[in-house]
Amino acid sequence: MSTTAESRITIEPGKRSGQPCIRGLRITVWDVLGWLAAGATQEQILEDYPDLEPQDFQAVFDFAVKMGRRVGL
């Protein structure tokens, strides 16, 4: 995992069922990716979720790329 993702993505048993969250918040990588896929911009997400930081998006993307490479079809 990249340094950005390693420092910003946390996985804690019992928090959001052990899903990867951003900096210990209850916002998961999958939440952010879902909002982006639904058409929200990074600016809109930051406005709606002020605990997020602009650097969190790169960590989300880095994490998703790493996880995507692990999936075998």
PDB file of N, CA and C in Angstrom:
ATOM      1  N   MET A   1       0.858  -1.168   0.000  1.00  0.00           N
ATOM      2  CA  MET A   1       0.000   0.000   0.000  1.00  0.00           C
ATOM      3  C   MET A   1       0.904   1.230   0.000  1.00  0.00           C
ATOM      4  N   SER A   2       0.462   2.301  -0.630  1.00  0.00           N
ATOM      5  CA  SER A   2       1.276   3.504  -0.668  1.00  0.00           C
ATOM      6  C   SER A   2       1.346   4.144   0.711  1.00  0.00           C
ATOM      7  N   THR A   3       2.320   5.011   0.886  1.00  0.00           N
ATOM      8  CA  THR A   3       2.470   5.698   2.159  1.00  0.00           C
ATOM      9  C   THR A   3       1.225   6.518   2.481  1.00  0.00           C
ATOM     10  N   THR A   4       0.638   7.162   1.464  1.00  0.00           N
ATOM     11  CA  THR A   4      -0.574   7.951   1.690  1.00  0.00           C
ATOM     12  C   THR A   4      -1.680   7.069   2.241  1.00  0.00           C
ATOM     13  N   ALA A   5      -1.920   5.948   1.605  1.00  0.00           N
ATOM     14  CA  ALA A   5      -2.978   5.047   2.060  1.00  0.00           C
ATOM     15  C   ALA A   5      -2.638   4.466   3.425  1.00  0.00           C
ATOM     16  N   GLU A   6      -1.398   4.085   3.634  1.00  0.00           N
ATOM     17  CA  GLU A   6      -1.007   3.489   4.915  1.00  0.00           C
ATOM     18  C   GLU A   6      -1.215   4.451   6.075  1.00  0.00           C
ATOM     19  N   SER A   7      -1.015   5.727   5.841  1.00  0.00           N
ATOM     20  CA  SER A   7      -1.137   6.684   6.937  1.00  0.00           C
ATOM     21  C   SER A   7      -2.571   7.188   7.123  1.00  0.00           C
ATOM     22  N   ARG A   8      -3.443   6.976   6.157  1.00  0.00           N
ATOM     23  CA  ARG A   8      -4.792   7.537   6.230  1.00  0.00           C
ATOM     24  C   ARG A   8      -5.912   6.499   6.271  1.00  0.00           C
ATOM     25  N   ILE A   9      -5.645   5.280   5.881  1.00  0.00           N
ATOM     26  CA  ILE A   9      -6.683   4.249   5.861  1.00  0.00           C
ATOM     27  C   ILE A   9      -6.465   3.338   7.066  1.00  0.00           C
ATOM     28  N   THR A  10      -7.501   3.196   7.879  1.00  0.00           N
ATOM     29  CA  THR A  10      -7.410   2.369   9.080  1.00  0.00           C
ATOM     30  C   THR A  10      -8.452   1.264   9.024  1.00  0.00           C
ATOM     31  N   ILE A  11      -8.091   0.140   9.607  1.00  0.00           N
ATOM     32  CA  ILE A  11      -9.021  -0.987   9.717  1.00  0.00           C
ATOM     33  C   ILE A  11      -9.037  -1.400  11.176  1.00  0.00           C
ATOM     34  N   GLU A  12     -10.201  -1.259  11.783  1.00  0.00           N
ATOM     35  CA  GLU A  12     -10.352  -1.584  13.204  1.00  0.00           C
ATOM     36  C   GLU A  12     -11.503  -2.569  13.355  1.00  0.00           C
ATOM     37  N   PRO A  13     -11.238  -3.740  13.930  1.00  0.00           N
ATOM     38  CA  PRO A  13     -12.325  -4.679  14.177  1.00  0.00           C
ATOM     39  C   PRO A  13     -13.412  -3.989  15.016  1.00  0.00           C
ATOM     40  N   GLY A  14     -14.636  -4.173  14.634  1.00  0.00           N
ATOM     41  CA  GLY A  14     -15.737  -3.580  15.378  1.00  0.00           C
ATOM     42  C   GLY A  14     -16.161  -2.207  14.902  1.00  0.00           C
ATOM     43  N   LYS A  15     -15.342  -1.551  14.125  1.00  0.00           N
ATOM     44  CA  LYS A  15     -15.721  -0.250  13.568  1.00  0.00           C
ATOM     45  C   LYS A  15     -16.114  -0.460  12.111  1.00  0.00           C
ATOM     46  N   ARG A  16     -17.383  -0.191  11.813  1.00  0.00           N
ATOM     47  CA  ARG A  16     -17.931  -0.382  10.470  1.00  0.00           C
ATOM     48  C   ARG A  16     -17.643  -1.804   9.962  1.00  0.00           C
ATOM     49  N   SER A  17     -17.772  -2.750  10.859  1.00  0.00           N
ATOM     50  CA  SER A  17     -17.569  -4.178  10.570  1.00  0.00           C
ATOM     51  C   SER A  17     -16.180  -4.485  10.024  1.00  0.00           C
ATOM     52  N   GLY A  18     -15.194  -3.726  10.465  1.00  0.00           N
ATOM     53  CA  GLY A  18     -13.821  -3.976  10.028  1.00  0.00           C
ATOM     54  C   GLY A  18     -13.506  -3.483   8.629  1.00  0.00           C
ATOM     55  N   GLN A  19     -14.379  -2.651   8.083  1.00  0.00           N
ATOM     56  CA  GLN A  19     -14.139  -2.094   6.746  1.00  0.00           C
ATOM     57  C   GLN A  19     -13.050  -1.027   6.818  1.00  0.00           C
ATOM     58  N   PRO A  20     -12.345  -0.785   5.696  1.00  0.00           N
ATOM     59  CA  PRO A  20     -11.303   0.242   5.694  1.00  0.00           C
ATOM     60  C   PRO A  20     -11.928   1.632   5.816  1.00  0.00           C
ATOM     61  N   CYS A  21     -11.523   2.354   6.845  1.00  0.00           N
ATOM     62  CA  CYS A  21     -12.051   3.694   7.116  1.00  0.00           C
ATOM     63  C   CYS A  21     -10.961   4.735   6.916  1.00  0.00           C
ATOM     64  N   ILE A  22     -11.390   5.966   6.822  1.00  0.00           N
ATOM     65  CA  ILE A  22     -10.456   7.069   6.631  1.00  0.00           C
ATOM     66  C   ILE A  22     -10.088   7.665   7.986  1.00  0.00           C
ATOM     67  N   ARG A  23      -8.802   7.570   8.318  1.00  0.00           N
ATOM     68  CA  ARG A  23      -8.234   8.143   9.544  1.00  0.00           C
ATOM     69  C   ARG A  23      -9.042   7.852  10.790  1.00  0.00           C
ATOM     70  N   GLY A  24      -9.565   6.663  10.916  1.00  0.00           N
ATOM     71  CA  GLY A  24     -10.290   6.282  12.118  1.00  0.00           C
ATOM     72  C   GLY A  24     -11.705   6.823  12.188  1.00  0.00           C
ATOM     73  N   LEU A  25     -12.113   7.568  11.182  1.00  0.00           N
ATOM     74  CA  LEU A  25     -13.490   8.060  11.129  1.00  0.00           C
ATOM     75  C   LEU A  25     -14.415   6.893  10.797  1.00  0.00           C
ATOM     76  N   ARG A  26     -15.694   7.125  10.832  1.00  0.00           N
ATOM     77  CA  ARG A  26     -16.649   6.082  10.473  1.00  0.00           C
ATOM     78  C   ARG A  26     -17.059   6.204   9.002  1.00  0.00           C
ATOM     79  N   ILE A  27     -16.197   6.803   8.208  1.00  0.00           N
ATOM     80  CA  ILE A  27     -16.407   6.953   6.768  1.00  0.00           C
ATOM     81  C   ILE A  27     -15.478   5.957   6.081  1.00  0.00           C
ATOM     82  N   THR A  28     -16.068   5.031   5.310  1.00  0.00           N
ATOM     83  CA  THR A  28     -15.249   3.994   4.685  1.00  0.00           C
ATOM     84  C   THR A  28     -14.758   4.418   3.303  1.00  0.00           C
ATOM     85  N   VAL A  29     -13.747   3.702   2.863  1.00  0.00           N
ATOM     86  CA  VAL A  29     -13.247   3.870   1.491  1.00  0.00           C
ATOM     87  C   VAL A  29     -14.404   3.675   0.521  1.00  0.00           C
ATOM     88  N   TRP A  30     -15.241   2.673   0.800  1.00  0.00           N
ATOM     89  CA  TRP A  30     -16.335   2.342  -0.114  1.00  0.00           C
ATOM     90  C   TRP A  30     -17.411   3.427  -0.114  1.00  0.00           C
ATOM     91  N   ASP A  31     -17.618   4.094   1.026  1.00  0.00           N
ATOM     92  CA  ASP A  31     -18.546   5.232   1.064  1.00  0.00           C
ATOM     93  C   ASP A  31     -18.090   6.300   0.077  1.00  0.00           C
ATOM     94  N   VAL A  32     -16.828   6.682   0.179  1.00  0.00           N
ATOM     95  CA  VAL A  32     -16.293   7.750  -0.665  1.00  0.00           C
ATOM     96  C   VAL A  32     -16.357   7.359  -2.138  1.00  0.00           C
ATOM     97  N   LEU A  33     -15.943   6.143  -2.454  1.00  0.00           N
ATOM     98  CA  LEU A  33     -15.992   5.699  -3.844  1.00  0.00           C
ATOM     99  C   LEU A  33     -17.431   5.669  -4.363  1.00  0.00           C
ATOM    100  N   GLY A  34     -18.374   5.267  -3.515  1.00  0.00           N
ATOM    101  CA  GLY A  34     -19.777   5.250  -3.902  1.00  0.00           C
ATOM    102  C   GLY A  34     -20.311   6.640  -4.191  1.00  0.00           C
ATOM    103  N   TRP A  35     -19.946   7.605  -3.348  1.00  0.00           N
ATOM    104  CA  TRP A  35     -20.394   8.980  -3.573  1.00  0.00           C
ATOM    105  C   TRP A  35     -19.826   9.534  -4.873  1.00  0.00           C
ATOM    106  N   LEU A  36     -18.543   9.254  -5.123  1.00  0.00           N
ATOM    107  CA  LEU A  36     -17.930   9.699  -6.375  1.00  0.00           C
ATOM    108  C   LEU A  36     -18.586   9.035  -7.581  1.00  0.00           C
ATOM    109  N   ALA A  37     -18.844   7.742  -7.474  1.00  0.00           N
ATOM    110  CA  ALA A  37     -19.486   7.008  -8.569  1.00  0.00           C
ATOM    111  C   ALA A  37     -20.895   7.525  -8.834  1.00  0.00           C
ATOM    112  N   ALA A  38     -21.552   8.027  -7.804  1.00  0.00           N
ATOM    113  CA  ALA A  38     -22.913   8.564  -7.950  1.00  0.00           C
ATOM    114  C   ALA A  38     -22.909   9.978  -8.527  1.00  0.00           C
ATOM    115  N   GLY A  39     -21.723  10.542  -8.730  1.00  0.00           N
ATOM    116  CA  GLY A  39     -21.637  11.851  -9.364  1.00  0.00           C
ATOM    117  C   GLY A  39     -21.233  13.005  -8.469  1.00  0.00           C
ATOM    118  N   ALA A  40     -21.020  12.752  -7.187  1.00  0.00           N
ATOM    119  CA  ALA A  40     -20.588  13.827  -6.294  1.00  0.00           C
ATOM    120  C   ALA A  40     -19.140  14.206  -6.617  1.00  0.00           C
ATOM    121  N   THR A  41     -18.827  15.481  -6.488  1.00  0.00           N
ATOM    122  CA  THR A  41     -17.446  15.921  -6.675  1.00  0.00           C
ATOM    123  C   THR A  41     -16.722  15.862  -5.328  1.00  0.00           C
ATOM    124  N   GLN A  42     -15.412  15.908  -5.391  1.00  0.00           N
ATOM    125  CA  GLN A  42     -14.638  15.926  -4.154  1.00  0.00           C
ATOM    126  C   GLN A  42     -15.020  17.137  -3.310  1.00  0.00           C
ATOM    127  N   GLU A  43     -15.242  18.271  -3.954  1.00  0.00           N
ATOM    128  CA  GLU A  43     -15.611  19.484  -3.235  1.00  0.00           C
ATOM    129  C   GLU A  43     -16.950  19.318  -2.522  1.00  0.00           C
ATOM    130  N   GLN A  44     -17.914  18.683  -3.171  1.00  0.00           N
ATOM    131  CA  GLN A  44     -19.221  18.453  -2.548  1.00  0.00           C
ATOM    132  C   GLN A  44     -19.086  17.524  -1.337  1.00  0.00           C
ATOM    133  N   ILE A  45     -18.287  16.488  -1.490  1.00  0.00           N
ATOM    134  CA  ILE A  45     -18.092  15.543  -0.393  1.00  0.00           C
ATOM    135  C   ILE A  45     -17.421  16.236   0.787  1.00  0.00           C
ATOM    136  N   LEU A  46     -16.415  17.058   0.517  1.00  0.00           N
ATOM    137  CA  LEU A  46     -15.731  17.782   1.588  1.00  0.00           C
ATOM    138  C   LEU A  46     -16.683  18.743   2.290  1.00  0.00           C
ATOM    139  N   GLU A  47     -17.585  19.341   1.542  1.00  0.00           N
ATOM    140  CA  GLU A  47     -18.562  20.252   2.135  1.00  0.00           C
ATOM    141  C   GLU A  47     -19.545  19.484   3.031  1.00  0.00           C
ATOM    142  N   ASP A  48     -19.967  18.313   2.566  1.00  0.00           N
ATOM    143  CA  ASP A  48     -20.922  17.498   3.328  1.00  0.00           C
ATOM    144  C   ASP A  48     -20.276  16.787   4.518  1.00  0.00           C
ATOM    145  N   TYR A  49     -18.999  16.488   4.426  1.00  0.00           N
ATOM    146  CA  TYR A  49     -18.279  15.741   5.465  1.00  0.00           C
ATOM    147  C   TYR A  49     -17.014  16.519   5.834  1.00  0.00           C
ATOM    148  N   PRO A  50     -17.151  17.556   6.655  1.00  0.00           N
ATOM    149  CA  PRO A  50     -16.009  18.428   6.959  1.00  0.00           C
ATOM    150  C   PRO A  50     -14.853  17.747   7.699  1.00  0.00           C
ATOM    151  N   ASP A  51     -15.065  16.547   8.243  1.00  0.00           N
ATOM    152  CA  ASP A  51     -13.958  15.825   8.878  1.00  0.00           C
ATOM    153  C   ASP A  51     -12.983  15.263   7.848  1.00  0.00           C
ATOM    154  N   LEU A  52     -13.426  15.132   6.606  1.00  0.00           N
ATOM    155  CA  LEU A  52     -12.533  14.658   5.551  1.00  0.00           C
ATOM    156  C   LEU A  52     -11.584  15.773   5.130  1.00  0.00           C
ATOM    157  N   GLU A  53     -10.444  15.376   4.607  1.00  0.00           N
ATOM    158  CA  GLU A  53      -9.437  16.313   4.113  1.00  0.00           C
ATOM    159  C   GLU A  53      -9.159  15.990   2.651  1.00  0.00           C
ATOM    160  N   PRO A  54      -8.740  16.984   1.862  1.00  0.00           N
ATOM    161  CA  PRO A  54      -8.475  16.732   0.439  1.00  0.00           C
ATOM    162  C   PRO A  54      -7.514  15.565   0.207  1.00  0.00           C
ATOM    163  N   GLN A  55      -6.518  15.383   1.074  1.00  0.00           N
ATOM    164  CA  GLN A  55      -5.536  14.306   0.904  1.00  0.00           C
ATOM    165  C   GLN A  55      -6.153  12.923   1.095  1.00  0.00           C
ATOM    166  N   ASP A  56      -7.312  12.859   1.720  1.00  0.00           N
ATOM    167  CA  ASP A  56      -7.962  11.565   1.925  1.00  0.00           C
ATOM    168  C   ASP A  56      -8.362  10.915   0.607  1.00  0.00           C
ATOM    169  N   PHE A  57      -8.670  11.719  -0.395  1.00  0.00           N
ATOM    170  CA  PHE A  57      -9.103  11.155  -1.674  1.00  0.00           C
ATOM    171  C   PHE A  57      -7.988  10.350  -2.330  1.00  0.00           C
ATOM    172  N   GLN A  58      -6.765  10.860  -2.302  1.00  0.00           N
ATOM    173  CA  GLN A  58      -5.655  10.104  -2.890  1.00  0.00           C
ATOM    174  C   GLN A  58      -5.455   8.797  -2.146  1.00  0.00           C
ATOM    175  N   ALA A  59      -5.605   8.810  -0.826  1.00  0.00           N
ATOM    176  CA  ALA A  59      -5.480   7.583  -0.038  1.00  0.00           C
ATOM    177  C   ALA A  59      -6.566   6.582  -0.430  1.00  0.00           C
ATOM    178  N   VAL A  60      -7.783   7.062  -0.644  1.00  0.00           N
ATOM    179  CA  VAL A  60      -8.890   6.196  -1.078  1.00  0.00           C
ATOM    180  C   VAL A  60      -8.551   5.575  -2.430  1.00  0.00           C
ATOM    181  N   PHE A  61      -8.079   6.387  -3.358  1.00  0.00           N
ATOM    182  CA  PHE A  61      -7.747   5.873  -4.693  1.00  0.00           C
ATOM    183  C   PHE A  61      -6.615   4.866  -4.626  1.00  0.00           C
ATOM    184  N   ASP A  62      -5.574   5.164  -3.846  1.00  0.00           N
ATOM    185  CA  ASP A  62      -4.441   4.242  -3.709  1.00  0.00           C
ATOM    186  C   ASP A  62      -4.892   2.909  -3.117  1.00  0.00           C
ATOM    187  N   PHE A  63      -5.736   2.979  -2.096  1.00  0.00           N
ATOM    188  CA  PHE A  63      -6.228   1.760  -1.450  1.00  0.00           C
ATOM    189  C   PHE A  63      -7.059   0.939  -2.439  1.00  0.00           C
ATOM    190  N   ALA A  64      -7.941   1.599  -3.173  1.00  0.00           N
ATOM    191  CA  ALA A  64      -8.802   0.892  -4.128  1.00  0.00           C
ATOM    192  C   ALA A  64      -7.987   0.220  -5.229  1.00  0.00           C
ATOM    193  N   VAL A  65      -6.962   0.883  -5.689  1.00  0.00           N
ATOM    194  CA  VAL A  65      -6.098   0.288  -6.721  1.00  0.00           C
ATOM    195  C   VAL A  65      -5.427  -0.967  -6.175  1.00  0.00           C
ATOM    196  N   LYS A  66      -4.909  -0.877  -4.965  1.00  0.00           N
ATOM    197  CA  LYS A  66      -4.246  -2.048  -4.374  1.00  0.00           C
ATOM    198  C   LYS A  66      -5.235  -3.199  -4.201  1.00  0.00           C
ATOM    199  N   MET A  67      -6.416  -2.920  -3.706  1.00  0.00           N
ATOM    200  CA  MET A  67      -7.413  -3.965  -3.510  1.00  0.00           C
ATOM    201  C   MET A  67      -7.878  -4.537  -4.857  1.00  0.00           C
ATOM    202  N   GLY A  68      -8.010  -3.703  -5.852  1.00  0.00           N
ATOM    203  CA  GLY A  68      -8.431  -4.161  -7.170  1.00  0.00           C
ATOM    204  C   GLY A  68      -7.450  -5.134  -7.788  1.00  0.00           C
ATOM    205  N   ARG A  69      -6.186  -4.960  -7.491  1.00  0.00           N
ATOM    206  CA  ARG A  69      -5.159  -5.857  -8.023  1.00  0.00           C
ATOM    207  C   ARG A  69      -5.197  -7.222  -7.374  1.00  0.00           C
ATOM    208  N   ARG A  70      -5.818  -7.318  -6.210  1.00  0.00           N
ATOM    209  CA  ARG A  70      -5.878  -8.588  -5.475  1.00  0.00           C
ATOM    210  C   ARG A  70      -7.010  -9.480  -5.947  1.00  0.00           C
ATOM    211  N   VAL A  71      -7.938  -8.913  -6.697  1.00  0.00           N
ATOM    212  CA  VAL A  71      -9.125  -9.675  -7.114  1.00  0.00           C
ATOM    213  C   VAL A  71      -8.768 -10.488  -8.354  1.00  0.00           C
ATOM    214  N   GLY A  72      -9.018 -11.784  -8.278  1.00  0.00           N
ATOM    215  CA  GLY A  72      -8.801 -12.647  -9.426  1.00  0.00           C
ATOM    216  C   GLY A  72     -10.138 -13.111  -9.993  1.00  0.00           C
ATOM    217  N   LEU A  73     -10.246 -13.112 -11.284  1.00  0.00           N
ATOM    218  CA  LEU A  73     -11.489 -13.558 -11.925  1.00  0.00           C
ATOM    219  C   LEU A  73     -11.318 -14.955 -12.457  1.00  0.00           C
TER     220      LEU A  73
END
